[in-house]
PDB file of N, CA and C in Angstrom:
ATOM      1  N   MET A   1      -1.913 -10.566   9.236  1.00  0.00           N
ATOM      2  CA  MET A   1      -1.319 -11.815   8.662  1.00  0.00           C
ATOM      3  C   MET A   1      -0.741 -11.533   7.632  1.00  0.00           C
ATOM      4  N   HIS A   2      -1.167 -10.841   6.991  1.00  0.00           N
ATOM      5  CA  HIS A   2      -0.508 -10.552   5.382  1.00  0.00           C
ATOM      6  C   HIS A   2       0.910  -9.894   5.424  1.00  0.00           C
ATOM      7  N   VAL A   3       1.066  -9.179   6.609  1.00  0.00           N
ATOM      8  CA  VAL A   3       1.965  -8.307   6.773  1.00  0.00           C
ATOM      9  C   VAL A   3       3.407  -9.239   6.901  1.00  0.00           C
ATOM     10  N   LYS A   4       3.070 -10.364   7.183  1.00  0.00           N
ATOM     11  CA  LYS A   4       4.213 -11.317   7.335  1.00  0.00           C
ATOM     12  C   LYS A   4       4.510 -11.945   6.037  1.00  0.00           C
ATOM     13  N   LEU A   5       3.682 -11.894   5.108  1.00  0.00           N
ATOM     14  CA  LEU A   5       3.884 -12.256   3.720  1.00  0.00           C
ATOM     15  C   LEU A   5       3.892 -11.143   2.568  1.00  0.00           C
ATOM     16  N   PRO A   6       4.471 -10.147   2.544  1.00  0.00           N
ATOM     17  CA  PRO A   6       4.600  -8.907   1.620  1.00  0.00           C
ATOM     18  C   PRO A   6       4.710  -9.234   0.167  1.00  0.00           C
ATOM     19  N   HIS A   7       5.655 -10.283   0.035  1.00  0.00           N
ATOM     20  CA  HIS A   7       5.940 -10.604  -1.305  1.00  0.00           C
ATOM     21  C   HIS A   7       4.324 -10.975  -2.038  1.00  0.00           C
ATOM     22  N   LEU A   8       3.478 -11.476  -1.260  1.00  0.00           N
ATOM     23  CA  LEU A   8       2.188 -11.949  -2.296  1.00  0.00           C
ATOM     24  C   LEU A   8       1.171 -10.940  -2.037  1.00  0.00           C
ATOM     25  N   ARG A   9       0.650 -10.394  -3.410  1.00  0.00           N
ATOM     26  CA  ARG A   9       0.032  -9.469  -3.294  1.00  0.00           C
ATOM     27  C   ARG A   9      -1.581  -9.995  -2.947  1.00  0.00           C
ATOM     28  N   TYR A  10      -2.021 -11.099  -3.184  1.00  0.00           N
ATOM     29  CA  TYR A  10      -3.247 -11.467  -2.724  1.00  0.00           C
ATOM     30  C   TYR A  10      -3.426 -12.547  -2.226  1.00  0.00           C
ATOM     31  N   ILE A  11      -3.883 -12.804  -0.993  1.00  0.00           N
ATOM     32  CA  ILE A  11      -4.307 -14.135  -0.337  1.00  0.00           C
ATOM     33  C   ILE A  11      -5.694 -14.213  -0.040  1.00  0.00           C
ATOM     34  N   SER A  12      -6.186 -15.157  -0.169  1.00  0.00           N
ATOM     35  CA  SER A  12      -7.529 -15.400   0.321  1.00  0.00           C
ATOM     36  C   SER A  12      -7.645 -16.157   1.616  1.00  0.00           C
ATOM     37  N   TRP A  13      -8.129 -15.797   2.782  1.00  0.00           N
ATOM     38  CA  TRP A  13      -7.762 -16.130   4.041  1.00  0.00           C
ATOM     39  C   TRP A  13      -9.202 -16.920   4.472  1.00  0.00           C
ATOM     40  N   ASP A  14      -9.188 -18.040   4.520  1.00  0.00           N
ATOM     41  CA  ASP A  14     -10.246 -18.574   5.301  1.00  0.00           C
ATOM     42  C   ASP A  14     -10.336 -18.695   6.795  1.00  0.00           C
ATOM     43  N   PHE A  15     -11.550 -18.234   7.569  1.00  0.00           N
ATOM     44  CA  PHE A  15     -11.350 -18.082   9.200  1.00  0.00           C
ATOM     45  C   PHE A  15     -12.755 -18.679   9.296  1.00  0.00           C
ATOM     46  N   THR A  16     -12.882 -19.260  10.602  1.00  0.00           N
ATOM     47  CA  THR A  16     -14.021 -19.588  11.155  1.00  0.00           C
ATOM     48  C   THR A  16     -13.988 -18.850  12.512  1.00  0.00           C
ATOM     49  N   VAL A  17     -15.062 -19.431  13.151  1.00  0.00           N
ATOM     50  CA  VAL A  17     -15.111 -18.652  14.874  1.00  0.00           C
ATOM     51  C   VAL A  17     -15.554 -20.035  15.721  1.00  0.00           C
ATOM     52  N   ASP A  18     -14.623 -20.529  16.436  1.00  0.00           N
ATOM     53  CA  ASP A  18     -14.999 -21.575  17.154  1.00  0.00           C
ATOM     54  C   ASP A  18     -15.837 -21.618  18.177  1.00  0.00           C
ATOM     55  N   SER A  19     -16.351 -22.723  19.134  1.00  0.00           N
ATOM     56  CA  SER A  19     -17.340 -22.807  20.190  1.00  0.00           C
ATOM     57  C   SER A  19     -17.059 -21.617  21.190  1.00  0.00           C
ATOM     58  N   GLU A  20     -15.760 -20.913  21.461  1.00  0.00           N
ATOM     59  CA  GLU A  20     -15.348 -20.007  22.446  1.00  0.00           C
ATOM     60  C   GLU A  20     -15.646 -18.674  21.933  1.00  0.00           C
ATOM     61  N   GLU A  21     -16.091 -18.576  20.927  1.00  0.00           N
ATOM     62  CA  GLU A  21     -16.052 -17.440  19.849  1.00  0.00           C
ATOM     63  C   GLU A  21     -14.404 -16.588  19.521  1.00  0.00           C
ATOM     64  N   ARG A  22     -13.465 -17.696  19.249  1.00  0.00           N
ATOM     65  CA  ARG A  22     -12.209 -17.430  19.160  1.00  0.00           C
ATOM     66  C   ARG A  22     -12.274 -17.322  17.286  1.00  0.00           C
ATOM     67  N   ILE A  23     -11.539 -16.487  16.738  1.00  0.00           N
ATOM     68  CA  ILE A  23     -11.240 -16.439  15.415  1.00  0.00           C
ATOM     69  C   ILE A  23     -10.186 -17.442  14.935  1.00  0.00           C
ATOM     70  N   VAL A  24     -10.364 -18.637  14.289  1.00  0.00           N
ATOM     71  CA  VAL A  24      -9.419 -19.656  13.618  1.00  0.00           C
ATOM     72  C   VAL A  24      -9.126 -19.742  12.334  1.00  0.00           C
ATOM     73  N   LEU A  25      -7.704 -19.461  12.030  1.00  0.00           N
ATOM     74  CA  LEU A  25      -7.393 -19.558  10.749  1.00  0.00           C
ATOM     75  C   LEU A  25      -7.391 -21.168  10.188  1.00  0.00           C
ATOM     76  N   ILE A  26      -8.137 -21.105   8.985  1.00  0.00           N
ATOM     77  CA  ILE A  26      -8.530 -22.548   8.371  1.00  0.00           C
ATOM     78  C   ILE A  26      -7.229 -22.845   7.397  1.00  0.00           C
ATOM     79  N   GLU A  27      -7.108 -21.798   6.464  1.00  0.00           N
ATOM     80  CA  GLU A  27      -6.225 -22.032   5.455  1.00  0.00           C
ATOM     81  C   GLU A  27      -5.910 -20.583   4.738  1.00  0.00           C
ATOM     82  N   ALA A  28      -4.930 -20.501   4.202  1.00  0.00           N
ATOM     83  CA  ALA A  28      -4.436 -19.510   3.209  1.00  0.00           C
ATOM     84  C   ALA A  28      -4.453 -19.809   1.633  1.00  0.00           C
ATOM     85  N   ASN A  29      -4.988 -19.535   0.979  1.00  0.00           N
ATOM     86  CA  ASN A  29      -5.269 -19.454  -0.335  1.00  0.00           C
ATOM     87  C   ASN A  29      -4.264 -18.899  -1.150  1.00  0.00           C
ATOM     88  N   LEU A  30      -3.145 -19.219  -1.928  1.00  0.00           N
ATOM     89  CA  LEU A  30      -2.433 -18.436  -2.569  1.00  0.00           C
ATOM     90  C   LEU A  30      -2.489 -18.580  -4.164  1.00  0.00           C
ATOM     91  N   PHE A  31      -3.216 -19.365  -4.489  1.00  0.00           N
ATOM     92  CA  PHE A  31      -3.457 -19.562  -6.059  1.00  0.00           C
ATOM     93  C   PHE A  31      -4.904 -19.886  -6.064  1.00  0.00           C
ATOM     94  N   GLY A  32      -5.161 -19.789  -7.335  1.00  0.00           N
ATOM     95  CA  GLY A  32      -6.342 -20.061  -7.721  1.00  0.00           C
ATOM     96  C   GLY A  32      -7.737 -18.940  -7.961  1.00  0.00           C
ATOM     97  N   GLN A  33      -7.039 -17.869  -7.117  1.00  0.00           N
ATOM     98  CA  GLN A  33      -8.251 -16.741  -7.384  1.00  0.00           C
ATOM     99  C   GLN A  33      -8.488 -16.123  -8.812  1.00  0.00           C
ATOM    100  N   SER A  34      -9.509 -15.749  -9.136  1.00  0.00           N
ATOM    101  CA  SER A  34      -9.566 -15.421 -10.560  1.00  0.00           C
ATOM    102  C   SER A  34      -9.165 -13.798 -10.510  1.00  0.00           C
ATOM    103  N   VAL A  35      -9.271 -13.077 -11.563  1.00  0.00           N
ATOM    104  CA  VAL A  35      -9.041 -11.341 -11.793  1.00  0.00           C
ATOM    105  C   VAL A  35     -10.189 -10.653 -11.006  1.00  0.00           C
ATOM    106  N   TRP A  36     -11.365 -11.467 -11.124  1.00  0.00           N
ATOM    107  CA  TRP A  36     -12.695 -10.817 -10.640  1.00  0.00           C
ATOM    108  C   TRP A  36     -12.522 -10.688  -9.102  1.00  0.00           C
ATOM    109  N   PHE A  37     -11.961 -11.749  -8.225  1.00  0.00           N
ATOM    110  CA  PHE A  37     -12.239 -11.345  -7.106  1.00  0.00           C
ATOM    111  C   PHE A  37     -11.295 -10.165  -6.304  1.00  0.00           C
ATOM    112  N   PRO A  38      -9.838 -10.109  -6.560  1.00  0.00           N
ATOM    113  CA  PRO A  38      -9.269  -8.792  -6.242  1.00  0.00           C
ATOM    114  C   PRO A  38     -10.235  -7.547  -6.294  1.00  0.00           C
ATOM    115  N   GLN A  39     -10.846  -7.352  -7.489  1.00  0.00           N
ATOM    116  CA  GLN A  39     -11.652  -6.186  -7.858  1.00  0.00           C
ATOM    117  C   GLN A  39     -12.796  -6.187  -7.258  1.00  0.00           C
ATOM    118  N   ILE A  40     -13.286  -7.235  -6.695  1.00  0.00           N
ATOM    119  CA  ILE A  40     -14.389  -6.679  -5.813  1.00  0.00           C
ATOM    120  C   ILE A  40     -13.990  -6.692  -4.547  1.00  0.00           C
ATOM    121  N   VAL A  41     -13.010  -7.340  -4.142  1.00  0.00           N
ATOM    122  CA  VAL A  41     -12.353  -7.041  -2.572  1.00  0.00           C
ATOM    123  C   VAL A  41     -12.189  -5.567  -2.403  1.00  0.00           C
ATOM    124  N   SER A  42     -11.212  -5.316  -3.270  1.00  0.00           N
ATOM    125  CA  SER A  42     -10.637  -3.753  -3.327  1.00  0.00           C
ATOM    126  C   SER A  42     -11.654  -2.706  -3.818  1.00  0.00           C
ATOM    127  N   GLY A  43     -12.523  -2.850  -4.582  1.00  0.00           N
ATOM    128  CA  GLY A  43     -13.585  -1.974  -5.028  1.00  0.00           C
ATOM    129  C   GLY A  43     -12.697  -1.213  -6.315  1.00  0.00           C
ATOM    130  N   LYS A  44     -11.460  -1.964  -7.029  1.00  0.00           N
ATOM    131  CA  LYS A  44     -10.838  -1.351  -7.728  1.00  0.00           C
ATOM    132  C   LYS A  44     -10.772  -2.276  -9.383  1.00  0.00           C
ATOM    133  N   GLY A  45     -10.430  -1.630 -10.352  1.00  0.00           N
ATOM    134  CA  GLY A  45     -10.314  -2.245 -11.504  1.00  0.00           C
ATOM    135  C   GLY A  45      -9.196  -2.723 -11.546  1.00  0.00           C
ATOM    136  N   LEU A  46      -8.614  -3.787 -12.303  1.00  0.00           N
ATOM    137  CA  LEU A  46      -7.697  -4.636 -12.311  1.00  0.00           C
ATOM    138  C   LEU A  46      -6.364  -3.648 -12.636  1.00  0.00           C
ATOM    139  N   PHE A  47      -6.632  -2.640 -13.543  1.00  0.00           N
ATOM    140  CA  PHE A  47      -5.223  -1.905 -13.522  1.00  0.00           C
ATOM    141  C   PHE A  47      -5.384  -0.379 -12.945  1.00  0.00           C
ATOM    142  N   ASP A  48      -6.113  -0.099 -11.800  1.00  0.00           N
ATOM    143  CA  ASP A  48      -6.255   0.926 -10.977  1.00  0.00           C
ATOM    144  C   ASP A  48      -4.762   0.886 -10.233  1.00  0.00           C
ATOM    145  N   GLU A  49      -4.603   2.216  -9.864  1.00  0.00           N
ATOM    146  CA  GLU A  49      -3.387   2.128  -8.920  1.00  0.00           C
ATOM    147  C   GLU A  49      -3.334   1.589  -7.582  1.00  0.00           C
ATOM    148  N   MET A  50      -2.527   0.830  -7.160  1.00  0.00           N
ATOM    149  CA  MET A  50      -2.787  -0.184  -5.940  1.00  0.00           C
ATOM    150  C   MET A  50      -2.564   0.972  -4.622  1.00  0.00           C
ATOM    151  N   ASP A  51      -1.722   2.065  -5.143  1.00  0.00           N
ATOM    152  CA  ASP A  51      -1.406   2.857  -3.795  1.00  0.00           C
ATOM    153  C   ASP A  51      -1.822   3.939  -3.525  1.00  0.00           C
ATOM    154  N   GLU A  52      -3.316   4.093  -3.713  1.00  0.00           N
ATOM    155  CA  GLU A  52      -3.938   5.360  -3.515  1.00  0.00           C
ATOM    156  C   GLU A  52      -4.423   5.719  -2.091  1.00  0.00           C
TER     157      GLU A  52
END
């Protein structure tokens, strides 16, 4: 889904699984992430190269 929004570097996707075991998107959070969040998710420091 992120491919459709290439101008946004970080999106926090909230998903759930319904009673029929289908993945359902709840929301996409575009603001409010802290600096630590992308670092934990990517395993890279804030100033590391993004295209390694």
